Every structure is written in structure tokens, then in C-alpha cells.
N, C-alpha and C. Protein backbone atom coordinates (compact mmCIF):
# COMPACT_ATOMS: atom_id res chain seq x y z
N MET A 1 -3.11 -15.67 -2.40
CA MET A 1 -3.70 -14.62 -1.57
C MET A 1 -2.94 -13.32 -1.78
N PHE A 2 -3.68 -12.22 -1.79
CA PHE A 2 -3.12 -10.91 -2.09
C PHE A 2 -3.38 -9.98 -0.90
N ILE A 3 -2.31 -9.59 -0.20
CA ILE A 3 -2.41 -8.69 0.94
C ILE A 3 -1.66 -7.41 0.63
N THR A 4 -2.32 -6.27 0.82
CA THR A 4 -1.69 -4.97 0.60
C THR A 4 -1.59 -4.22 1.91
N PHE A 5 -0.68 -3.26 1.94
CA PHE A 5 -0.39 -2.50 3.16
C PHE A 5 -0.44 -1.01 2.85
N GLU A 6 -1.16 -0.28 3.69
CA GLU A 6 -1.36 1.14 3.45
C GLU A 6 -1.11 1.94 4.73
N GLY A 7 -0.91 3.23 4.55
CA GLY A 7 -0.73 4.12 5.70
C GLY A 7 -0.03 5.40 5.28
N LEU A 8 -0.15 6.42 6.10
CA LEU A 8 0.57 7.65 5.85
C LEU A 8 2.07 7.42 6.03
N ASP A 9 2.87 8.27 5.42
CA ASP A 9 4.31 8.18 5.58
C ASP A 9 4.67 8.34 7.06
N GLY A 10 5.59 7.50 7.52
CA GLY A 10 5.97 7.53 8.92
C GLY A 10 5.19 6.58 9.80
N SER A 11 4.29 5.80 9.21
CA SER A 11 3.44 4.90 10.00
C SER A 11 4.19 3.64 10.46
N GLY A 12 5.40 3.43 9.94
CA GLY A 12 6.14 2.21 10.26
C GLY A 12 5.81 1.05 9.35
N LYS A 13 5.09 1.34 8.29
CA LYS A 13 4.56 0.32 7.40
C LYS A 13 5.63 -0.62 6.86
N THR A 14 6.69 -0.08 6.30
CA THR A 14 7.71 -0.92 5.68
C THR A 14 8.40 -1.81 6.70
N THR A 15 8.70 -1.27 7.87
CA THR A 15 9.31 -2.06 8.95
C THR A 15 8.39 -3.20 9.36
N LEU A 16 7.11 -2.90 9.49
CA LEU A 16 6.13 -3.91 9.93
C LEU A 16 5.93 -4.99 8.87
N ILE A 17 5.98 -4.62 7.61
CA ILE A 17 5.89 -5.62 6.55
C ILE A 17 7.07 -6.58 6.64
N ASN A 18 8.26 -6.04 6.85
CA ASN A 18 9.44 -6.90 6.98
C ASN A 18 9.35 -7.81 8.20
N MET A 19 8.76 -7.31 9.28
CA MET A 19 8.55 -8.14 10.47
C MET A 19 7.56 -9.27 10.17
N LEU A 20 6.54 -8.96 9.37
CA LEU A 20 5.58 -9.99 8.99
C LEU A 20 6.24 -11.07 8.13
N VAL A 21 7.12 -10.66 7.23
CA VAL A 21 7.84 -11.63 6.41
C VAL A 21 8.64 -12.59 7.28
N GLU A 22 9.32 -12.06 8.29
CA GLU A 22 10.10 -12.91 9.19
C GLU A 22 9.19 -13.85 9.97
N TYR A 23 8.03 -13.36 10.37
CA TYR A 23 7.04 -14.19 11.07
C TYR A 23 6.58 -15.35 10.18
N ILE A 24 6.30 -15.05 8.93
CA ILE A 24 5.84 -16.09 8.00
C ILE A 24 6.94 -17.13 7.78
N LYS A 25 8.17 -16.67 7.59
CA LYS A 25 9.28 -17.61 7.37
C LYS A 25 9.48 -18.53 8.57
N LYS A 26 9.27 -17.99 9.75
CA LYS A 26 9.49 -18.77 10.98
C LYS A 26 8.33 -19.70 11.28
N ASN A 27 7.10 -19.23 11.09
CA ASN A 27 5.92 -19.97 11.54
C ASN A 27 5.15 -20.68 10.44
N HIS A 28 5.35 -20.26 9.19
CA HIS A 28 4.62 -20.86 8.07
C HIS A 28 5.58 -21.04 6.90
N SER A 29 6.60 -21.82 7.12
CA SER A 29 7.70 -21.93 6.16
C SER A 29 7.29 -22.55 4.83
N LYS A 30 6.16 -23.23 4.80
CA LYS A 30 5.71 -23.84 3.55
C LYS A 30 5.06 -22.84 2.60
N ILE A 31 4.75 -21.66 3.12
CA ILE A 31 4.10 -20.65 2.29
C ILE A 31 5.12 -20.01 1.36
N HIS A 32 4.82 -20.03 0.08
CA HIS A 32 5.63 -19.31 -0.91
C HIS A 32 5.07 -17.90 -1.03
N TYR A 33 5.94 -16.92 -0.85
CA TYR A 33 5.47 -15.53 -0.86
C TYR A 33 6.40 -14.69 -1.73
N ILE A 34 5.88 -13.54 -2.15
CA ILE A 34 6.72 -12.51 -2.75
C ILE A 34 6.42 -11.20 -2.04
N LEU A 35 7.44 -10.39 -1.89
CA LEU A 35 7.30 -9.06 -1.30
C LEU A 35 7.61 -8.04 -2.38
N THR A 36 6.66 -7.15 -2.63
CA THR A 36 6.83 -6.18 -3.70
C THR A 36 6.26 -4.83 -3.24
N ARG A 37 6.27 -3.84 -4.13
CA ARG A 37 5.84 -2.50 -3.72
C ARG A 37 5.32 -1.71 -4.91
N GLU A 38 4.61 -0.64 -4.60
CA GLU A 38 4.20 0.34 -5.60
C GLU A 38 4.46 1.75 -5.07
N PRO A 39 4.72 2.70 -5.98
CA PRO A 39 4.97 2.49 -7.41
C PRO A 39 6.28 1.73 -7.62
N GLY A 40 6.34 1.07 -8.76
CA GLY A 40 7.50 0.25 -9.07
C GLY A 40 7.14 -1.21 -9.02
N GLY A 41 7.99 -2.01 -8.41
CA GLY A 41 7.72 -3.44 -8.31
C GLY A 41 9.00 -4.23 -8.22
N LYS A 42 8.87 -5.45 -7.72
CA LYS A 42 10.03 -6.31 -7.49
C LYS A 42 10.76 -6.63 -8.80
N ASP A 43 11.99 -6.13 -8.92
CA ASP A 43 12.88 -6.45 -10.04
C ASP A 43 12.30 -6.07 -11.40
N ILE A 44 11.54 -4.97 -11.45
CA ILE A 44 10.97 -4.51 -12.72
C ILE A 44 11.60 -3.17 -13.08
N LYS A 45 12.56 -3.17 -13.98
CA LYS A 45 13.30 -1.95 -14.28
C LYS A 45 12.40 -0.84 -14.82
N MET A 46 11.49 -1.18 -15.73
CA MET A 46 10.65 -0.16 -16.33
C MET A 46 9.74 0.49 -15.30
N ALA A 47 9.11 -0.32 -14.45
CA ALA A 47 8.22 0.23 -13.43
C ALA A 47 8.99 1.06 -12.41
N GLU A 48 10.22 0.65 -12.10
CA GLU A 48 11.05 1.41 -11.16
C GLU A 48 11.48 2.74 -11.77
N LYS A 49 11.70 2.77 -13.08
CA LYS A 49 12.03 4.04 -13.75
C LYS A 49 10.85 5.00 -13.66
N ILE A 50 9.64 4.47 -13.83
CA ILE A 50 8.45 5.32 -13.70
C ILE A 50 8.34 5.82 -12.27
N ARG A 51 8.64 4.96 -11.29
CA ARG A 51 8.63 5.37 -9.88
C ARG A 51 9.56 6.57 -9.66
N GLN A 52 10.78 6.47 -10.20
CA GLN A 52 11.75 7.54 -10.02
C GLN A 52 11.25 8.84 -10.63
N LEU A 53 10.61 8.74 -11.79
CA LEU A 53 10.07 9.93 -12.45
C LEU A 53 8.96 10.56 -11.62
N ILE A 54 8.06 9.75 -11.11
CA ILE A 54 6.93 10.26 -10.34
C ILE A 54 7.40 10.94 -9.05
N LEU A 55 8.32 10.30 -8.35
CA LEU A 55 8.69 10.76 -7.01
C LEU A 55 9.80 11.80 -6.99
N SER A 56 10.48 11.99 -8.11
CA SER A 56 11.56 12.96 -8.15
C SER A 56 11.04 14.38 -7.88
N LYS A 57 11.77 15.10 -7.04
CA LYS A 57 11.39 16.49 -6.76
C LYS A 57 11.56 17.38 -7.98
N GLU A 58 12.31 16.90 -8.97
CA GLU A 58 12.52 17.67 -10.19
C GLU A 58 11.38 17.50 -11.18
N SER A 59 10.52 16.53 -10.96
CA SER A 59 9.40 16.29 -11.88
C SER A 59 8.31 17.33 -11.68
N GLU A 60 7.84 17.88 -12.78
CA GLU A 60 6.73 18.84 -12.73
C GLU A 60 5.56 18.22 -13.50
N LEU A 61 4.82 17.38 -12.81
CA LEU A 61 3.73 16.63 -13.43
C LEU A 61 2.38 17.20 -13.02
N SER A 62 1.46 17.26 -13.96
CA SER A 62 0.09 17.61 -13.61
C SER A 62 -0.53 16.42 -12.88
N PRO A 63 -1.59 16.64 -12.11
CA PRO A 63 -2.22 15.52 -11.41
C PRO A 63 -2.64 14.38 -12.34
N LYS A 64 -3.17 14.71 -13.51
CA LYS A 64 -3.61 13.66 -14.43
C LYS A 64 -2.43 12.92 -15.04
N SER A 65 -1.36 13.64 -15.38
CA SER A 65 -0.16 12.97 -15.89
C SER A 65 0.41 12.02 -14.85
N GLU A 66 0.44 12.48 -13.61
CA GLU A 66 0.93 11.66 -12.51
C GLU A 66 0.08 10.39 -12.36
N ALA A 67 -1.23 10.56 -12.42
CA ALA A 67 -2.15 9.43 -12.27
C ALA A 67 -1.95 8.40 -13.38
N LEU A 68 -1.75 8.87 -14.59
CA LEU A 68 -1.57 7.95 -15.71
C LEU A 68 -0.23 7.21 -15.63
N LEU A 69 0.79 7.89 -15.14
CA LEU A 69 2.08 7.22 -14.94
C LEU A 69 1.97 6.14 -13.86
N TYR A 70 1.31 6.47 -12.76
CA TYR A 70 1.07 5.46 -11.72
C TYR A 70 0.36 4.25 -12.31
N SER A 71 -0.62 4.51 -13.14
CA SER A 71 -1.43 3.42 -13.70
C SER A 71 -0.61 2.56 -14.66
N ALA A 72 0.24 3.19 -15.46
CA ALA A 72 1.11 2.43 -16.36
C ALA A 72 2.06 1.54 -15.55
N SER A 73 2.63 2.10 -14.49
CA SER A 73 3.51 1.33 -13.62
C SER A 73 2.77 0.16 -12.99
N ARG A 74 1.53 0.39 -12.57
CA ARG A 74 0.74 -0.68 -11.94
C ARG A 74 0.46 -1.81 -12.93
N ARG A 75 0.14 -1.47 -14.15
CA ARG A 75 -0.14 -2.50 -15.15
C ARG A 75 1.09 -3.39 -15.38
N ILE A 76 2.25 -2.76 -15.50
CA ILE A 76 3.49 -3.52 -15.67
C ILE A 76 3.72 -4.43 -14.47
N HIS A 77 3.49 -3.89 -13.29
CA HIS A 77 3.66 -4.63 -12.04
C HIS A 77 2.74 -5.85 -12.00
N LEU A 78 1.51 -5.67 -12.38
CA LEU A 78 0.56 -6.78 -12.41
C LEU A 78 1.00 -7.86 -13.39
N GLU A 79 1.37 -7.43 -14.59
CA GLU A 79 1.73 -8.40 -15.63
C GLU A 79 3.00 -9.18 -15.29
N LYS A 80 3.97 -8.50 -14.70
CA LYS A 80 5.28 -9.11 -14.47
C LYS A 80 5.42 -9.81 -13.12
N VAL A 81 4.68 -9.36 -12.11
CA VAL A 81 4.90 -9.87 -10.76
C VAL A 81 3.63 -10.44 -10.13
N ILE A 82 2.60 -9.62 -10.02
CA ILE A 82 1.44 -10.01 -9.20
C ILE A 82 0.65 -11.14 -9.84
N TRP A 83 0.27 -11.00 -11.10
CA TRP A 83 -0.53 -12.05 -11.73
C TRP A 83 0.20 -13.40 -11.79
N PRO A 84 1.47 -13.44 -12.20
CA PRO A 84 2.16 -14.74 -12.19
C PRO A 84 2.20 -15.39 -10.80
N ALA A 85 2.41 -14.58 -9.76
CA ALA A 85 2.46 -15.12 -8.40
C ALA A 85 1.09 -15.64 -7.96
N LEU A 86 0.05 -14.89 -8.25
CA LEU A 86 -1.30 -15.33 -7.87
C LEU A 86 -1.70 -16.58 -8.63
N ASP A 87 -1.28 -16.69 -9.89
CA ASP A 87 -1.57 -17.89 -10.67
C ASP A 87 -0.93 -19.13 -10.05
N LYS A 88 0.19 -18.93 -9.36
CA LYS A 88 0.88 -20.05 -8.70
C LYS A 88 0.43 -20.24 -7.25
N LYS A 89 -0.65 -19.52 -6.87
CA LYS A 89 -1.23 -19.63 -5.52
C LYS A 89 -0.25 -19.18 -4.43
N GLU A 90 0.61 -18.24 -4.77
CA GLU A 90 1.55 -17.71 -3.80
C GLU A 90 0.91 -16.59 -2.99
N LEU A 91 1.56 -16.23 -1.90
CA LEU A 91 1.13 -15.10 -1.09
C LEU A 91 1.85 -13.86 -1.60
N VAL A 92 1.08 -12.87 -2.04
CA VAL A 92 1.64 -11.61 -2.52
C VAL A 92 1.47 -10.56 -1.44
N LEU A 93 2.58 -10.00 -0.99
CA LEU A 93 2.59 -8.93 -0.01
C LEU A 93 3.05 -7.66 -0.72
N CYS A 94 2.18 -6.67 -0.79
CA CYS A 94 2.48 -5.48 -1.59
C CYS A 94 2.41 -4.21 -0.74
N ASP A 95 3.53 -3.50 -0.68
CA ASP A 95 3.64 -2.23 0.04
C ASP A 95 3.03 -1.14 -0.85
N ARG A 96 1.80 -0.80 -0.58
CA ARG A 96 0.94 0.14 -1.33
C ARG A 96 0.38 -0.51 -2.60
N TYR A 97 -0.86 -0.11 -2.90
CA TYR A 97 -1.53 -0.59 -4.12
C TYR A 97 -2.63 0.42 -4.45
N ILE A 98 -3.79 -0.04 -4.85
CA ILE A 98 -4.80 0.88 -5.38
C ILE A 98 -5.33 1.87 -4.35
N ASP A 99 -5.34 1.50 -3.07
CA ASP A 99 -5.87 2.43 -2.08
C ASP A 99 -4.98 3.66 -1.91
N SER A 100 -3.67 3.49 -2.08
CA SER A 100 -2.78 4.65 -2.11
C SER A 100 -3.14 5.55 -3.29
N PHE A 101 -3.39 4.93 -4.43
CA PHE A 101 -3.76 5.69 -5.63
C PHE A 101 -5.05 6.47 -5.40
N TYR A 102 -6.04 5.81 -4.83
CA TYR A 102 -7.31 6.49 -4.55
C TYR A 102 -7.10 7.64 -3.57
N ALA A 103 -6.34 7.38 -2.49
CA ALA A 103 -6.17 8.39 -1.44
C ALA A 103 -5.30 9.56 -1.92
N TYR A 104 -4.18 9.24 -2.56
CA TYR A 104 -3.24 10.29 -2.95
C TYR A 104 -3.70 11.06 -4.19
N GLN A 105 -4.14 10.33 -5.22
CA GLN A 105 -4.55 11.02 -6.45
C GLN A 105 -6.01 11.44 -6.41
N GLY A 106 -6.88 10.54 -5.96
CA GLY A 106 -8.31 10.88 -5.92
C GLY A 106 -8.63 11.98 -4.94
N PHE A 107 -8.06 11.89 -3.74
CA PHE A 107 -8.35 12.87 -2.68
C PHE A 107 -7.26 13.93 -2.57
N GLY A 108 -6.00 13.51 -2.46
CA GLY A 108 -4.91 14.47 -2.29
C GLY A 108 -4.77 15.41 -3.47
N ARG A 109 -4.87 14.87 -4.68
CA ARG A 109 -4.74 15.68 -5.90
C ARG A 109 -6.09 16.19 -6.42
N ASP A 110 -7.15 15.86 -5.71
CA ASP A 110 -8.50 16.36 -6.07
C ASP A 110 -8.99 15.87 -7.43
N LEU A 111 -8.52 14.70 -7.87
CA LEU A 111 -9.03 14.16 -9.13
C LEU A 111 -10.40 13.52 -8.97
N GLY A 112 -10.75 13.17 -7.75
CA GLY A 112 -12.06 12.57 -7.49
C GLY A 112 -11.99 11.06 -7.52
N ILE A 113 -12.76 10.45 -6.65
CA ILE A 113 -12.74 9.00 -6.53
C ILE A 113 -13.25 8.31 -7.80
N GLN A 114 -14.24 8.89 -8.45
CA GLN A 114 -14.79 8.26 -9.66
C GLN A 114 -13.74 8.20 -10.76
N TYR A 115 -12.99 9.27 -10.94
CA TYR A 115 -11.97 9.33 -11.99
C TYR A 115 -10.90 8.26 -11.77
N VAL A 116 -10.37 8.18 -10.56
CA VAL A 116 -9.28 7.23 -10.31
C VAL A 116 -9.78 5.79 -10.31
N GLU A 117 -11.02 5.57 -9.91
CA GLU A 117 -11.55 4.20 -9.95
C GLU A 117 -11.80 3.75 -11.38
N GLU A 118 -12.24 4.64 -12.23
CA GLU A 118 -12.47 4.26 -13.63
C GLU A 118 -11.16 3.88 -14.32
N ILE A 119 -10.10 4.64 -14.06
CA ILE A 119 -8.79 4.28 -14.61
C ILE A 119 -8.35 2.92 -14.06
N THR A 120 -8.52 2.75 -12.77
CA THR A 120 -8.05 1.53 -12.10
C THR A 120 -8.76 0.30 -12.63
N GLU A 121 -10.05 0.39 -12.87
CA GLU A 121 -10.81 -0.76 -13.37
C GLU A 121 -10.25 -1.24 -14.71
N LEU A 122 -9.79 -0.30 -15.54
CA LEU A 122 -9.20 -0.68 -16.82
C LEU A 122 -7.86 -1.37 -16.64
N ILE A 123 -7.12 -0.95 -15.63
CA ILE A 123 -5.75 -1.43 -15.43
C ILE A 123 -5.70 -2.78 -14.74
N ILE A 124 -6.48 -2.96 -13.67
CA ILE A 124 -6.26 -4.12 -12.78
C ILE A 124 -7.11 -5.34 -13.12
N GLU A 125 -8.14 -5.17 -13.96
CA GLU A 125 -8.99 -6.30 -14.36
C GLU A 125 -9.49 -7.09 -13.14
N LYS A 126 -10.03 -6.36 -12.19
CA LYS A 126 -10.67 -6.93 -10.99
C LYS A 126 -9.69 -7.63 -10.05
N THR A 127 -8.43 -7.26 -10.11
CA THR A 127 -7.45 -7.82 -9.17
C THR A 127 -7.43 -6.95 -7.92
N TYR A 128 -8.38 -7.22 -7.03
CA TYR A 128 -8.49 -6.47 -5.78
C TYR A 128 -7.83 -7.28 -4.66
N PRO A 129 -7.31 -6.60 -3.65
CA PRO A 129 -6.69 -7.33 -2.54
C PRO A 129 -7.71 -8.17 -1.78
N ASP A 130 -7.25 -9.28 -1.24
CA ASP A 130 -8.08 -10.06 -0.32
C ASP A 130 -8.16 -9.36 1.04
N ILE A 131 -7.03 -8.81 1.46
CA ILE A 131 -6.93 -8.11 2.74
C ILE A 131 -6.07 -6.87 2.54
N THR A 132 -6.48 -5.76 3.14
CA THR A 132 -5.64 -4.56 3.16
C THR A 132 -5.43 -4.15 4.61
N ILE A 133 -4.17 -4.06 5.01
CA ILE A 133 -3.83 -3.65 6.37
C ILE A 133 -3.47 -2.17 6.36
N PHE A 134 -4.21 -1.40 7.15
CA PHE A 134 -3.97 0.05 7.23
C PHE A 134 -3.35 0.38 8.58
N PHE A 135 -2.15 0.93 8.54
CA PHE A 135 -1.46 1.35 9.76
C PHE A 135 -1.87 2.79 10.05
N ASP A 136 -2.65 2.95 11.09
CA ASP A 136 -3.37 4.20 11.33
C ASP A 136 -2.59 5.16 12.23
N ILE A 137 -2.07 6.21 11.61
CA ILE A 137 -1.61 7.39 12.34
C ILE A 137 -2.22 8.61 11.66
N ASN A 138 -2.50 9.66 12.42
CA ASN A 138 -3.12 10.84 11.82
C ASN A 138 -2.04 11.72 11.17
N PRO A 139 -2.45 12.73 10.39
CA PRO A 139 -1.47 13.57 9.68
C PRO A 139 -0.49 14.27 10.61
N GLU A 140 -0.94 14.66 11.79
CA GLU A 140 -0.05 15.35 12.73
C GLU A 140 1.08 14.42 13.20
N GLU A 141 0.70 13.19 13.54
CA GLU A 141 1.71 12.22 13.97
C GLU A 141 2.63 11.85 12.81
N SER A 142 2.07 11.75 11.61
CA SER A 142 2.87 11.46 10.42
C SER A 142 3.94 12.53 10.23
N LYS A 143 3.54 13.79 10.34
CA LYS A 143 4.50 14.88 10.15
C LYS A 143 5.58 14.85 11.22
N LYS A 144 5.17 14.62 12.46
CA LYS A 144 6.13 14.56 13.57
C LYS A 144 7.19 13.49 13.30
N ARG A 145 6.75 12.34 12.82
CA ARG A 145 7.70 11.25 12.56
C ARG A 145 8.55 11.54 11.34
N ARG A 146 7.96 12.14 10.33
CA ARG A 146 8.73 12.47 9.13
C ARG A 146 9.81 13.49 9.44
N VAL A 147 9.49 14.47 10.27
CA VAL A 147 10.48 15.47 10.68
C VAL A 147 11.58 14.81 11.50
N ALA A 148 11.20 13.96 12.45
CA ALA A 148 12.18 13.30 13.31
C ALA A 148 13.12 12.39 12.52
N ASN A 149 12.57 11.74 11.50
CA ASN A 149 13.36 10.78 10.71
C ASN A 149 13.83 11.34 9.38
N ARG A 150 13.55 12.64 9.17
CA ARG A 150 13.97 13.32 7.94
C ARG A 150 13.43 12.62 6.70
N LEU A 151 12.16 12.26 6.75
CA LEU A 151 11.53 11.56 5.63
C LEU A 151 10.89 12.55 4.66
N PHE A 152 11.73 13.31 3.98
CA PHE A 152 11.24 14.25 2.98
C PHE A 152 12.02 14.06 1.69
N ASP A 153 12.17 12.79 1.31
CA ASP A 153 13.03 12.45 0.18
C ASP A 153 12.35 12.57 -1.17
N ASP A 154 11.02 12.58 -1.20
CA ASP A 154 10.34 12.61 -2.49
C ASP A 154 9.21 13.62 -2.49
N ARG A 155 8.59 13.77 -3.65
CA ARG A 155 7.56 14.80 -3.83
C ARG A 155 6.37 14.59 -2.90
N MET A 156 5.97 13.34 -2.68
CA MET A 156 4.78 13.08 -1.87
C MET A 156 5.03 13.43 -0.40
N GLU A 157 6.20 13.02 0.10
CA GLU A 157 6.51 13.29 1.50
C GLU A 157 6.69 14.78 1.76
N ASP A 158 7.03 15.53 0.71
CA ASP A 158 7.33 16.96 0.83
C ASP A 158 6.10 17.84 0.63
N GLU A 159 4.93 17.23 0.45
CA GLU A 159 3.71 17.99 0.18
C GLU A 159 3.21 18.71 1.45
N SER A 160 2.21 19.58 1.26
CA SER A 160 1.70 20.42 2.34
C SER A 160 0.92 19.61 3.38
N ASP A 161 0.71 20.23 4.54
CA ASP A 161 -0.11 19.60 5.58
C ASP A 161 -1.51 19.32 5.07
N GLU A 162 -2.05 20.24 4.28
CA GLU A 162 -3.41 20.07 3.76
C GLU A 162 -3.50 18.85 2.85
N PHE A 163 -2.48 18.63 2.04
CA PHE A 163 -2.42 17.47 1.16
C PHE A 163 -2.50 16.18 1.97
N HIS A 164 -1.73 16.09 3.04
CA HIS A 164 -1.72 14.88 3.86
C HIS A 164 -3.03 14.70 4.62
N LYS A 165 -3.68 15.79 4.98
CA LYS A 165 -5.00 15.68 5.62
C LYS A 165 -6.03 15.12 4.65
N LYS A 166 -5.95 15.54 3.40
CA LYS A 166 -6.86 15.01 2.38
C LYS A 166 -6.64 13.51 2.17
N ILE A 167 -5.38 13.11 2.17
CA ILE A 167 -5.07 11.68 2.01
C ILE A 167 -5.66 10.87 3.15
N TYR A 168 -5.49 11.36 4.36
CA TYR A 168 -6.01 10.64 5.53
C TYR A 168 -7.52 10.54 5.47
N PHE A 169 -8.18 11.62 5.09
CA PHE A 169 -9.63 11.60 4.91
C PHE A 169 -10.00 10.56 3.86
N GLY A 170 -9.22 10.50 2.77
CA GLY A 170 -9.48 9.53 1.72
C GLY A 170 -9.38 8.10 2.20
N TYR A 171 -8.36 7.82 2.98
CA TYR A 171 -8.22 6.47 3.54
C TYR A 171 -9.41 6.12 4.42
N LYS A 172 -9.83 7.05 5.27
CA LYS A 172 -10.96 6.79 6.16
C LYS A 172 -12.24 6.53 5.35
N TYR A 173 -12.40 7.26 4.27
CA TYR A 173 -13.54 7.03 3.37
C TYR A 173 -13.50 5.61 2.81
N LEU A 174 -12.34 5.20 2.34
CA LEU A 174 -12.20 3.87 1.74
C LEU A 174 -12.44 2.76 2.76
N ILE A 175 -11.94 2.95 3.97
CA ILE A 175 -12.13 1.96 5.04
C ILE A 175 -13.60 1.83 5.40
N ASN A 176 -14.28 2.95 5.53
CA ASN A 176 -15.71 2.93 5.87
C ASN A 176 -16.54 2.30 4.77
N ARG A 177 -16.09 2.43 3.54
CA ARG A 177 -16.84 1.89 2.41
C ARG A 177 -16.64 0.37 2.26
N ASP A 178 -15.51 -0.13 2.71
CA ASP A 178 -15.19 -1.55 2.52
C ASP A 178 -14.57 -2.14 3.79
N PRO A 179 -15.30 -2.13 4.90
CA PRO A 179 -14.72 -2.52 6.19
C PRO A 179 -14.30 -3.99 6.26
N GLU A 180 -14.92 -4.86 5.48
CA GLU A 180 -14.57 -6.28 5.54
C GLU A 180 -13.18 -6.56 4.97
N ARG A 181 -12.75 -5.74 4.03
CA ARG A 181 -11.42 -5.95 3.42
C ARG A 181 -10.30 -5.38 4.29
N PHE A 182 -10.58 -4.33 5.02
CA PHE A 182 -9.53 -3.62 5.75
C PHE A 182 -9.33 -4.18 7.16
N ILE A 183 -8.07 -4.31 7.53
CA ILE A 183 -7.66 -4.49 8.92
C ILE A 183 -7.00 -3.18 9.35
N VAL A 184 -7.57 -2.52 10.33
CA VAL A 184 -7.05 -1.23 10.79
C VAL A 184 -6.26 -1.46 12.07
N VAL A 185 -5.00 -1.03 12.06
CA VAL A 185 -4.11 -1.24 13.19
C VAL A 185 -3.69 0.12 13.75
N ASP A 186 -3.81 0.29 15.05
CA ASP A 186 -3.37 1.52 15.70
C ASP A 186 -1.84 1.56 15.68
N ALA A 187 -1.30 2.42 14.81
CA ALA A 187 0.16 2.48 14.63
C ALA A 187 0.82 3.56 15.46
N THR A 188 0.08 4.13 16.43
CA THR A 188 0.67 5.15 17.29
C THR A 188 1.49 4.53 18.42
N ARG A 189 1.34 3.25 18.63
CA ARG A 189 2.02 2.57 19.75
C ARG A 189 3.41 2.10 19.32
N CYS A 190 4.14 1.48 20.25
CA CYS A 190 5.49 1.00 19.92
C CYS A 190 5.40 -0.09 18.86
N ILE A 191 6.48 -0.28 18.12
CA ILE A 191 6.45 -1.15 16.94
C ILE A 191 6.08 -2.58 17.30
N GLU A 192 6.51 -3.07 18.46
CA GLU A 192 6.18 -4.44 18.87
C GLU A 192 4.68 -4.59 19.11
N ASP A 193 4.07 -3.59 19.75
CA ASP A 193 2.63 -3.63 19.99
C ASP A 193 1.85 -3.58 18.68
N VAL A 194 2.31 -2.75 17.77
CA VAL A 194 1.64 -2.64 16.47
C VAL A 194 1.73 -3.97 15.73
N PHE A 195 2.90 -4.58 15.75
CA PHE A 195 3.08 -5.88 15.09
C PHE A 195 2.16 -6.93 15.70
N ASN A 196 2.09 -6.98 17.02
CA ASN A 196 1.23 -7.97 17.69
C ASN A 196 -0.24 -7.75 17.34
N GLN A 197 -0.66 -6.49 17.26
CA GLN A 197 -2.03 -6.18 16.82
C GLN A 197 -2.28 -6.75 15.43
N MET A 198 -1.33 -6.50 14.53
CA MET A 198 -1.48 -6.96 13.15
C MET A 198 -1.61 -8.48 13.08
N ILE A 199 -0.73 -9.20 13.78
CA ILE A 199 -0.77 -10.66 13.75
C ILE A 199 -2.07 -11.18 14.33
N GLU A 200 -2.49 -10.60 15.45
CA GLU A 200 -3.74 -11.04 16.08
C GLU A 200 -4.93 -10.88 15.13
N GLN A 201 -4.99 -9.73 14.46
CA GLN A 201 -6.12 -9.50 13.55
C GLN A 201 -6.02 -10.38 12.31
N LEU A 202 -4.83 -10.62 11.83
CA LEU A 202 -4.67 -11.53 10.68
C LEU A 202 -5.13 -12.94 11.03
N LEU A 203 -4.74 -13.41 12.20
CA LEU A 203 -5.11 -14.77 12.61
C LEU A 203 -6.60 -14.91 12.89
N ASN A 204 -7.26 -13.78 13.14
CA ASN A 204 -8.71 -13.79 13.32
C ASN A 204 -9.46 -13.59 12.01
N ASN A 205 -8.72 -13.40 10.93
CA ASN A 205 -9.33 -13.17 9.62
C ASN A 205 -9.54 -14.51 8.92
N SER A 206 -10.76 -14.82 8.54
CA SER A 206 -11.07 -16.14 7.98
C SER A 206 -10.33 -16.40 6.67
N LYS A 207 -10.16 -15.38 5.83
CA LYS A 207 -9.45 -15.57 4.57
C LYS A 207 -8.00 -15.97 4.81
N PHE A 208 -7.36 -15.27 5.74
CA PHE A 208 -5.96 -15.57 6.04
C PHE A 208 -5.83 -16.94 6.69
N ARG A 209 -6.70 -17.25 7.63
CA ARG A 209 -6.66 -18.56 8.29
C ARG A 209 -6.83 -19.69 7.28
N ASN A 210 -7.79 -19.53 6.39
CA ASN A 210 -8.02 -20.57 5.38
C ASN A 210 -6.79 -20.75 4.49
N PHE A 211 -6.15 -19.65 4.14
CA PHE A 211 -4.97 -19.72 3.28
C PHE A 211 -3.83 -20.46 3.96
N ILE A 212 -3.52 -20.10 5.20
CA ILE A 212 -2.39 -20.74 5.88
C ILE A 212 -2.70 -22.19 6.25
N ASN A 213 -3.97 -22.50 6.47
CA ASN A 213 -4.33 -23.88 6.81
C ASN A 213 -4.21 -24.80 5.60
N VAL A 214 -4.54 -24.27 4.43
CA VAL A 214 -4.39 -25.05 3.19
C VAL A 214 -2.92 -25.34 2.95
N LYS A 215 -2.07 -24.33 3.26
CA LYS A 215 -0.63 -24.50 3.04
C LYS A 215 -0.02 -25.44 4.08
């Protein structure tokens, strides 16, 4: 099973993913899982080098160059981590995947959804997530949290308010287009409430229930 996690910066996404991992270890200890991320990937030096290049404030990349680097990193990630894990029927938990690419490059960078989807189809060979969890905060709340937590470490987090508004619009477009795949969680509440929402919706999801019952 392949579960991805999406959201604007400051949504609490990474913390909530780690809480989910602890929940799985405690309540479903027979499940073999891997936790990975994009751009980059678990223990992949080449993909992590591409991540550093993309996110460095010193990088001066055109939108298309950036998109192609993301895609190269994703292909390496699939070959080295995701595909081997899925072949072994493991649970893959991935912090960002193609929906980030669509939202950030397709909408934020104005490359267009058709352009980024055509590239993606070549790269992923129909490896789409079974479930995507979107931690929903609006751009204003995202900025407030980024300022409070000083989350301006990379090029994406340092972009304009307009850029982040485009990304949020892109996510909403993707969710409306594929509502069965997305679990949308109100991430404006305290972290415990957000986590409980996520678990409740996962346990109500037939794909997730079937997976954990088989295990």
C-alpha cells in the first residue's frame, strides 16, 4: 500500500506522519513499512543531492529546469525505494509525492497541469498513491506558522504570498478532481485533534482497512 502526505509548509505534516508511524508500530506491529520523502528519498545519496540543489537559496533554476530535476529525483526514488517496497507488499509512507509536484510546479510555477502530468506519466509508470492525506491549512495560516517557527530555510518556503496561494488553489483543484483518493484533514486545530481526525478517516477507508486486516 502506498500512502502519501501533502500540505502547505507549516501544516504539521512531518510531525503527524511520525505520530502515524508510532501508531502503526503500537497497534499494527506486523505491518512492514518504510518512511520516505520527496524530493530526495530514504538513504538515496543521489536523490538527496538533487534535493539540496533544488531547495538551495543559491540555486537559480528556471521553472522547467526545476521540474526536470524533481522528476529525475523521483525516478531514482521509485527505482531504489518505492518499487522494491511495494513489490514486497510493504506499506510505503511518503512525505510529498506527485501532488506536490503538480501544485508547486504546475500551479505555483505556472507550468500548467498538462505539462507536469505528461512528465510525471513518463517517470512513475502508473505508480499512483492508494491514499493521499492532505493536511489543510490556508496560505495565511501557513505563513503565520512559518514566521512563528522561522520556517524559511529553502527556496520554496521563502517564496511570495502569491506563490503559496497558487499552490493552495492547485491542491484544491487536485482534491476536487480525485476525491476518492484524498483524505482531507482540518490541520488548523491542535496536533492531537488533527491526528485523531487522520486516524478516524484512515480506519473508515476501505483500502486501508483491507490492508491492515490482511496483515
